[in-house]
């Protein structure tokens, strides 16, 4: 017995149903964002494990705030990425909380963490793009 409901892609609704344009853009954005978070996770773990040599890439040489940001990203980003890929609301909430915590930690980190400020800037832009896309999708669904 076939069902029009596909549990693998529950965020898209019943199989074969057409999604509005902006809603499909939100789903695509969330999936691209999930991929970005996984790449960021790999970077965080390579920093923690000391894959690269050099003073700026040694985890133990980073300030406590920078270490906190790296560990937070290494633990929370893959969990949020799974939720974003699935289109689950908990994934979006977890990503937003993770992004806001990272922005706050990175913005308050002391000297020597210029790369973390770049990450904070990127996270801010990503949150703003998500807000714009969801606003447009909500306006589209209102009619």
N, C-alpha and C. Protein backbone atom coordinates (compact mmCIF):
# COMPACT_ATOMS: atom_id res chain seq x y z
N UNK A 1 0.85 -1.17 0.00
CA UNK A 1 0.00 0.00 0.00
C UNK A 1 0.89 1.23 0.00
N UNK A 2 0.72 2.08 -0.97
CA UNK A 2 1.59 3.25 -1.04
C UNK A 2 0.91 4.44 -0.37
N UNK A 3 1.74 5.23 0.25
CA UNK A 3 1.25 6.40 0.96
C UNK A 3 1.81 7.65 0.30
N UNK A 4 1.03 8.72 0.21
CA UNK A 4 1.56 9.95 -0.37
C UNK A 4 2.51 10.66 0.59
N UNK A 5 2.64 10.15 1.81
CA UNK A 5 3.50 10.77 2.80
C UNK A 5 4.87 10.12 2.78
N UNK A 6 5.90 10.91 2.58
CA UNK A 6 7.26 10.42 2.54
C UNK A 6 7.97 10.85 3.82
N UNK A 7 8.22 9.93 4.77
CA UNK A 7 8.81 10.33 6.05
C UNK A 7 10.24 10.84 5.93
N UNK A 8 10.94 10.48 4.86
CA UNK A 8 12.31 10.96 4.69
C UNK A 8 12.32 12.46 4.41
N UNK A 9 11.33 12.94 3.72
CA UNK A 9 11.28 14.34 3.34
C UNK A 9 10.01 14.99 3.91
N UNK A 10 9.80 14.85 5.21
CA UNK A 10 8.58 15.33 5.84
C UNK A 10 8.43 16.85 5.75
N UNK A 11 9.53 17.56 5.60
CA UNK A 11 9.43 19.01 5.53
C UNK A 11 8.73 19.48 4.27
N UNK A 12 8.69 18.65 3.27
CA UNK A 12 8.07 19.03 2.00
C UNK A 12 6.58 18.68 1.94
N UNK A 13 6.08 17.97 2.93
CA UNK A 13 4.67 17.63 2.94
C UNK A 13 4.38 16.39 2.11
N UNK A 14 3.13 16.21 1.69
CA UNK A 14 2.77 15.03 0.91
C UNK A 14 3.58 14.94 -0.39
N UNK A 15 3.95 13.72 -0.75
CA UNK A 15 4.74 13.51 -1.97
C UNK A 15 3.96 14.00 -3.18
N UNK A 16 4.62 14.67 -4.06
CA UNK A 16 3.99 15.16 -5.28
C UNK A 16 3.33 16.51 -5.14
N UNK A 17 3.20 17.02 -3.91
CA UNK A 17 2.57 18.33 -3.72
C UNK A 17 3.57 19.42 -4.09
N UNK A 18 3.09 20.41 -4.79
CA UNK A 18 3.95 21.53 -5.18
C UNK A 18 4.06 22.51 -4.02
N UNK A 19 5.28 22.89 -3.72
CA UNK A 19 5.50 23.89 -2.69
C UNK A 19 5.54 25.27 -3.34
N UNK A 20 5.07 26.28 -2.62
CA UNK A 20 5.20 27.64 -3.14
C UNK A 20 6.69 27.99 -3.32
N UNK A 21 6.96 28.96 -4.17
CA UNK A 21 8.32 29.32 -4.54
C UNK A 21 9.19 29.68 -3.34
N UNK A 22 8.70 30.58 -2.49
CA UNK A 22 9.52 31.04 -1.37
C UNK A 22 9.70 29.95 -0.33
N UNK A 23 8.71 29.10 -0.14
CA UNK A 23 8.87 28.01 0.81
C UNK A 23 9.93 27.02 0.31
N UNK A 24 9.95 26.76 -0.98
CA UNK A 24 10.98 25.87 -1.52
C UNK A 24 12.36 26.51 -1.40
N UNK A 25 12.43 27.82 -1.49
CA UNK A 25 13.71 28.51 -1.30
C UNK A 25 14.18 28.39 0.15
N UNK A 26 13.24 28.45 1.09
CA UNK A 26 13.60 28.29 2.50
C UNK A 26 14.17 26.89 2.73
N UNK A 27 13.51 25.87 2.18
CA UNK A 27 13.98 24.49 2.34
C UNK A 27 15.37 24.33 1.72
N UNK A 28 15.57 24.86 0.54
CA UNK A 28 16.89 24.79 -0.11
C UNK A 28 17.94 25.51 0.73
N UNK A 29 17.60 26.69 1.24
CA UNK A 29 18.53 27.44 2.07
C UNK A 29 18.91 26.66 3.33
N UNK A 30 17.92 26.04 3.97
CA UNK A 30 18.21 25.26 5.18
C UNK A 30 19.14 24.10 4.87
N UNK A 31 18.98 23.48 3.73
CA UNK A 31 19.85 22.36 3.37
C UNK A 31 21.26 22.83 3.03
N UNK A 32 21.38 23.95 2.35
CA UNK A 32 22.71 24.52 2.09
C UNK A 32 23.37 24.93 3.40
N UNK A 33 22.59 25.49 4.29
CA UNK A 33 23.10 25.89 5.60
C UNK A 33 23.56 24.67 6.39
N UNK A 34 22.85 23.57 6.29
CA UNK A 34 23.27 22.34 6.96
C UNK A 34 24.64 21.89 6.45
N UNK A 35 24.86 21.96 5.16
CA UNK A 35 26.16 21.61 4.60
C UNK A 35 27.25 22.54 5.11
N UNK A 36 26.95 23.84 5.18
CA UNK A 36 27.92 24.80 5.70
C UNK A 36 28.26 24.48 7.16
N UNK A 37 27.26 24.14 7.95
CA UNK A 37 27.51 23.82 9.36
C UNK A 37 28.37 22.58 9.50
N UNK A 38 28.19 21.61 8.63
CA UNK A 38 29.03 20.41 8.69
C UNK A 38 30.48 20.74 8.33
N UNK A 39 30.68 21.60 7.35
CA UNK A 39 32.05 22.02 7.01
C UNK A 39 32.66 22.78 8.18
N UNK A 40 31.87 23.64 8.81
CA UNK A 40 32.35 24.38 9.97
C UNK A 40 32.68 23.45 11.14
N UNK A 41 31.91 22.37 11.26
CA UNK A 41 32.18 21.39 12.31
C UNK A 41 33.52 20.70 12.07
N UNK A 42 33.78 20.32 10.83
CA UNK A 42 35.06 19.69 10.51
C UNK A 42 36.21 20.64 10.82
N UNK A 43 36.06 21.91 10.47
CA UNK A 43 37.09 22.90 10.78
C UNK A 43 37.31 23.00 12.29
N UNK A 44 36.22 23.03 13.06
CA UNK A 44 36.35 23.14 14.51
C UNK A 44 37.10 21.95 15.09
N UNK A 45 36.77 20.76 14.62
CA UNK A 45 37.44 19.57 15.14
C UNK A 45 38.89 19.49 14.71
N UNK A 46 39.21 19.96 13.51
CA UNK A 46 40.62 19.97 13.11
C UNK A 46 41.41 20.95 13.97
N UNK A 47 40.79 22.05 14.37
CA UNK A 47 41.44 23.00 15.26
C UNK A 47 41.64 22.39 16.65
N UNK A 48 40.62 21.71 17.16
CA UNK A 48 40.72 21.08 18.48
C UNK A 48 41.78 19.99 18.48
N UNK A 49 41.82 19.18 17.43
CA UNK A 49 42.76 18.05 17.36
C UNK A 49 44.17 18.47 16.95
N UNK A 50 44.35 19.71 16.54
CA UNK A 50 45.67 20.19 16.19
C UNK A 50 46.19 19.67 14.86
N UNK A 51 45.35 19.63 13.87
CA UNK A 51 45.75 19.12 12.56
C UNK A 51 46.79 20.03 11.91
N UNK A 52 46.65 21.35 12.04
CA UNK A 52 47.58 22.28 11.42
C UNK A 52 48.63 22.72 12.43
N UNK A 53 49.78 23.12 11.91
CA UNK A 53 50.84 23.66 12.76
C UNK A 53 50.79 25.17 12.74
N UNK A 54 51.38 25.77 13.74
CA UNK A 54 51.45 27.22 13.80
C UNK A 54 50.85 27.74 15.10
N UNK A 55 51.27 28.93 15.46
CA UNK A 55 50.81 29.52 16.72
C UNK A 55 49.32 29.85 16.70
N UNK A 56 48.81 30.32 15.56
CA UNK A 56 47.40 30.74 15.52
C UNK A 56 46.45 29.56 15.36
N UNK A 57 46.97 28.39 15.02
CA UNK A 57 46.08 27.25 14.83
C UNK A 57 46.20 26.24 15.97
N UNK A 58 46.89 26.59 17.02
CA UNK A 58 47.00 25.69 18.18
C UNK A 58 45.86 25.99 19.14
N UNK A 59 45.06 25.00 19.41
CA UNK A 59 43.87 25.19 20.23
C UNK A 59 44.23 25.67 21.64
N UNK A 60 45.26 25.08 22.22
CA UNK A 60 45.60 25.45 23.60
C UNK A 60 46.17 26.86 23.71
N UNK A 61 46.59 27.44 22.59
CA UNK A 61 47.13 28.80 22.61
C UNK A 61 46.02 29.85 22.47
N UNK A 62 44.81 29.43 22.13
CA UNK A 62 43.69 30.37 21.99
C UNK A 62 43.23 30.84 23.36
N UNK A 63 42.58 31.97 23.39
CA UNK A 63 42.01 32.48 24.64
C UNK A 63 40.86 31.58 25.06
N UNK A 64 40.45 31.72 26.30
CA UNK A 64 39.34 30.90 26.81
C UNK A 64 38.06 31.16 26.03
N UNK A 65 37.81 32.41 25.66
CA UNK A 65 36.61 32.73 24.88
C UNK A 65 36.66 32.06 23.51
N UNK A 66 37.83 32.08 22.88
CA UNK A 66 37.97 31.45 21.57
C UNK A 66 37.82 29.94 21.68
N UNK A 67 38.40 29.34 22.71
CA UNK A 67 38.24 27.90 22.93
C UNK A 67 36.77 27.55 23.14
N UNK A 68 36.07 28.38 23.89
CA UNK A 68 34.64 28.14 24.13
C UNK A 68 33.85 28.18 22.83
N UNK A 69 34.16 29.15 21.98
CA UNK A 69 33.46 29.27 20.70
C UNK A 69 33.73 28.05 19.82
N UNK A 70 34.96 27.59 19.79
CA UNK A 70 35.32 26.45 18.94
C UNK A 70 34.65 25.18 19.46
N UNK A 71 34.68 24.95 20.76
CA UNK A 71 34.05 23.75 21.33
C UNK A 71 32.54 23.79 21.13
N UNK A 72 31.93 24.95 21.35
CA UNK A 72 30.49 25.11 21.14
C UNK A 72 30.12 24.75 19.71
N UNK A 73 30.90 25.26 18.75
CA UNK A 73 30.63 24.98 17.34
C UNK A 73 30.82 23.50 17.02
N UNK A 74 31.84 22.90 17.57
CA UNK A 74 32.13 21.49 17.28
C UNK A 74 31.04 20.56 17.79
N UNK A 75 30.40 20.93 18.87
CA UNK A 75 29.38 20.06 19.46
C UNK A 75 27.98 20.37 18.91
N UNK A 76 27.63 21.64 18.83
CA UNK A 76 26.26 22.01 18.49
C UNK A 76 25.96 22.05 16.99
N UNK A 77 26.95 22.43 16.18
CA UNK A 77 26.69 22.57 14.75
C UNK A 77 26.25 21.29 14.05
N UNK A 78 26.87 20.13 14.33
CA UNK A 78 26.38 18.94 13.61
C UNK A 78 24.96 18.55 14.01
N UNK A 79 24.59 18.78 15.25
CA UNK A 79 23.22 18.47 15.68
C UNK A 79 22.24 19.41 14.98
N UNK A 80 22.58 20.70 14.94
CA UNK A 80 21.72 21.66 14.25
C UNK A 80 21.65 21.35 12.76
N UNK A 81 22.76 20.91 12.18
CA UNK A 81 22.80 20.59 10.74
C UNK A 81 21.82 19.47 10.40
N UNK A 82 21.76 18.45 11.24
CA UNK A 82 20.82 17.35 11.00
C UNK A 82 19.38 17.87 11.03
N UNK A 83 19.07 18.70 12.02
CA UNK A 83 17.73 19.26 12.12
C UNK A 83 17.39 20.16 10.94
N UNK A 84 18.37 20.94 10.48
CA UNK A 84 18.13 21.80 9.32
C UNK A 84 17.90 20.99 8.07
N UNK A 85 18.69 19.93 7.88
CA UNK A 85 18.53 19.10 6.69
C UNK A 85 17.15 18.45 6.66
N UNK A 86 16.69 18.02 7.82
CA UNK A 86 15.37 17.38 7.90
C UNK A 86 14.24 18.39 7.81
N UNK A 87 14.54 19.66 7.96
CA UNK A 87 13.50 20.68 7.93
C UNK A 87 12.70 20.72 9.22
N UNK A 88 13.27 20.19 10.28
CA UNK A 88 12.57 20.16 11.57
C UNK A 88 12.67 21.52 12.24
N UNK A 89 11.61 21.89 12.94
CA UNK A 89 11.61 23.19 13.61
C UNK A 89 12.67 23.24 14.71
N UNK A 90 12.94 22.10 15.37
CA UNK A 90 13.96 22.10 16.41
C UNK A 90 15.35 22.36 15.82
N UNK A 91 15.56 21.99 14.58
CA UNK A 91 16.84 22.26 13.94
C UNK A 91 17.06 23.75 13.73
N UNK A 92 16.00 24.43 13.32
CA UNK A 92 16.09 25.88 13.11
C UNK A 92 16.33 26.58 14.45
N UNK A 93 15.57 26.18 15.47
CA UNK A 93 15.72 26.80 16.79
C UNK A 93 17.13 26.56 17.32
N UNK A 94 17.61 25.33 17.21
CA UNK A 94 18.95 25.01 17.70
C UNK A 94 20.01 25.79 16.94
N UNK A 95 19.84 25.91 15.62
CA UNK A 95 20.81 26.69 14.84
C UNK A 95 20.79 28.16 15.25
N UNK A 96 19.61 28.74 15.43
CA UNK A 96 19.53 30.14 15.82
C UNK A 96 20.16 30.38 17.18
N UNK A 97 19.89 29.49 18.15
CA UNK A 97 20.51 29.63 19.47
C UNK A 97 22.02 29.48 19.36
N UNK A 98 22.47 28.48 18.61
CA UNK A 98 23.91 28.25 18.43
C UNK A 98 24.56 29.46 17.76
N UNK A 99 23.93 30.00 16.74
CA UNK A 99 24.49 31.15 16.03
C UNK A 99 24.56 32.37 16.95
N UNK A 100 23.51 32.62 17.72
CA UNK A 100 23.51 33.78 18.61
C UNK A 100 24.56 33.64 19.71
N UNK A 101 24.72 32.43 20.25
CA UNK A 101 25.76 32.21 21.27
C UNK A 101 27.14 32.40 20.66
N UNK A 102 27.35 31.87 19.46
CA UNK A 102 28.65 32.04 18.81
C UNK A 102 28.93 33.51 18.49
N UNK A 103 27.93 34.23 18.04
CA UNK A 103 28.12 35.66 17.75
C UNK A 103 28.51 36.39 19.03
N UNK A 104 27.83 36.09 20.14
CA UNK A 104 28.13 36.75 21.41
C UNK A 104 29.53 36.39 21.90
N UNK A 105 29.90 35.11 21.83
CA UNK A 105 31.24 34.70 22.29
C UNK A 105 32.31 35.31 21.41
N UNK A 106 32.12 35.23 20.10
CA UNK A 106 33.14 35.74 19.18
C UNK A 106 33.27 37.25 19.26
N UNK A 107 32.18 37.95 19.47
CA UNK A 107 32.24 39.41 19.56
C UNK A 107 32.94 39.86 20.84
N UNK A 108 32.89 39.05 21.89
CA UNK A 108 33.52 39.41 23.16
C UNK A 108 34.89 38.77 23.36
N UNK A 109 35.36 38.03 22.36
CA UNK A 109 36.66 37.38 22.48
C UNK A 109 37.77 38.43 22.43
N UNK A 110 38.84 38.22 23.19
CA UNK A 110 39.94 39.19 23.17
C UNK A 110 40.74 39.12 21.88
N UNK A 111 41.86 39.82 21.87
CA UNK A 111 42.71 39.93 20.69
C UNK A 111 43.13 38.57 20.15
N UNK A 112 43.52 38.57 18.90
CA UNK A 112 44.07 37.37 18.30
C UNK A 112 43.06 36.40 17.74
N UNK A 113 41.81 36.78 17.70
CA UNK A 113 40.80 35.86 17.18
C UNK A 113 40.05 36.54 16.03
N UNK A 114 40.79 37.14 15.14
CA UNK A 114 40.20 37.84 13.99
C UNK A 114 39.36 36.92 13.14
N UNK A 115 39.79 35.66 12.99
CA UNK A 115 39.01 34.70 12.21
C UNK A 115 37.66 34.45 12.85
N UNK A 116 37.60 34.48 14.17
CA UNK A 116 36.32 34.26 14.84
C UNK A 116 35.38 35.44 14.62
N UNK A 117 35.91 36.63 14.47
CA UNK A 117 35.06 37.78 14.16
C UNK A 117 34.49 37.65 12.76
N UNK A 118 35.27 37.09 11.85
CA UNK A 118 34.76 36.84 10.50
C UNK A 118 33.62 35.83 10.57
N UNK A 119 33.80 34.78 11.38
CA UNK A 119 32.75 33.77 11.54
C UNK A 119 31.50 34.42 12.14
N UNK A 120 31.68 35.30 13.11
CA UNK A 120 30.53 35.99 13.72
C UNK A 120 29.80 36.84 12.68
N UNK A 121 30.55 37.49 11.80
CA UNK A 121 29.94 38.28 10.73
C UNK A 121 29.17 37.41 9.76
N UNK A 122 29.75 36.27 9.40
CA UNK A 122 29.08 35.34 8.50
C UNK A 122 27.80 34.81 9.13
N UNK A 123 27.88 34.45 10.41
CA UNK A 123 26.69 33.95 11.12
C UNK A 123 25.58 35.01 11.14
N UNK A 124 25.95 36.26 11.34
CA UNK A 124 24.97 37.34 11.35
C UNK A 124 24.28 37.46 10.00
N UNK A 125 25.05 37.39 8.93
CA UNK A 125 24.48 37.46 7.59
C UNK A 125 23.56 36.26 7.33
N UNK A 126 23.98 35.07 7.76
CA UNK A 126 23.15 33.87 7.55
C UNK A 126 21.81 33.98 8.27
N UNK A 127 21.83 34.50 9.50
CA UNK A 127 20.58 34.68 10.24
C UNK A 127 19.69 35.71 9.54
N UNK A 128 20.29 36.79 9.04
CA UNK A 128 19.52 37.82 8.35
C UNK A 128 18.89 37.27 7.06
N UNK A 129 19.63 36.46 6.32
CA UNK A 129 19.08 35.86 5.10
C UNK A 129 17.93 34.92 5.45
N UNK A 130 18.08 34.13 6.52
CA UNK A 130 17.00 33.25 6.94
C UNK A 130 15.75 34.06 7.32
N UNK A 131 15.95 35.15 8.04
CA UNK A 131 14.81 35.99 8.42
C UNK A 131 14.10 36.55 7.19
N UNK A 132 14.87 36.99 6.20
CA UNK A 132 14.28 37.51 4.97
C UNK A 132 13.49 36.43 4.23
N UNK A 133 14.09 35.25 4.09
CA UNK A 133 13.42 34.17 3.35
C UNK A 133 12.13 33.72 4.04
N UNK A 134 12.18 33.59 5.36
CA UNK A 134 10.96 33.16 6.06
C UNK A 134 9.89 34.25 6.02
N UNK A 135 10.30 35.50 6.04
CA UNK A 135 9.33 36.60 5.91
C UNK A 135 8.63 36.52 4.55
N UNK A 136 9.41 36.33 3.49
CA UNK A 136 8.83 36.24 2.14
C UNK A 136 7.94 35.00 2.02
N UNK A 137 8.35 33.87 2.62
CA UNK A 137 7.54 32.67 2.56
C UNK A 137 6.23 32.85 3.31
N UNK A 138 6.27 33.56 4.44
CA UNK A 138 5.06 33.81 5.21
C UNK A 138 4.11 34.73 4.44
N UNK A 139 4.66 35.74 3.80
CA UNK A 139 3.83 36.65 3.00
C UNK A 139 3.19 35.92 1.82
N UNK A 140 3.95 35.00 1.25
CA UNK A 140 3.44 34.23 0.10
C UNK A 140 2.29 33.30 0.52
N UNK A 141 2.42 32.71 1.72
CA UNK A 141 1.39 31.78 2.16
C UNK A 141 0.11 32.51 2.62
N UNK A 142 0.25 33.78 2.96
CA UNK A 142 -0.94 34.56 3.35
C UNK A 142 -1.84 34.84 2.17
N UNK A 143 -1.26 34.80 1.00
CA UNK A 143 -2.10 34.96 -0.18
C UNK A 143 -1.74 36.14 -0.96
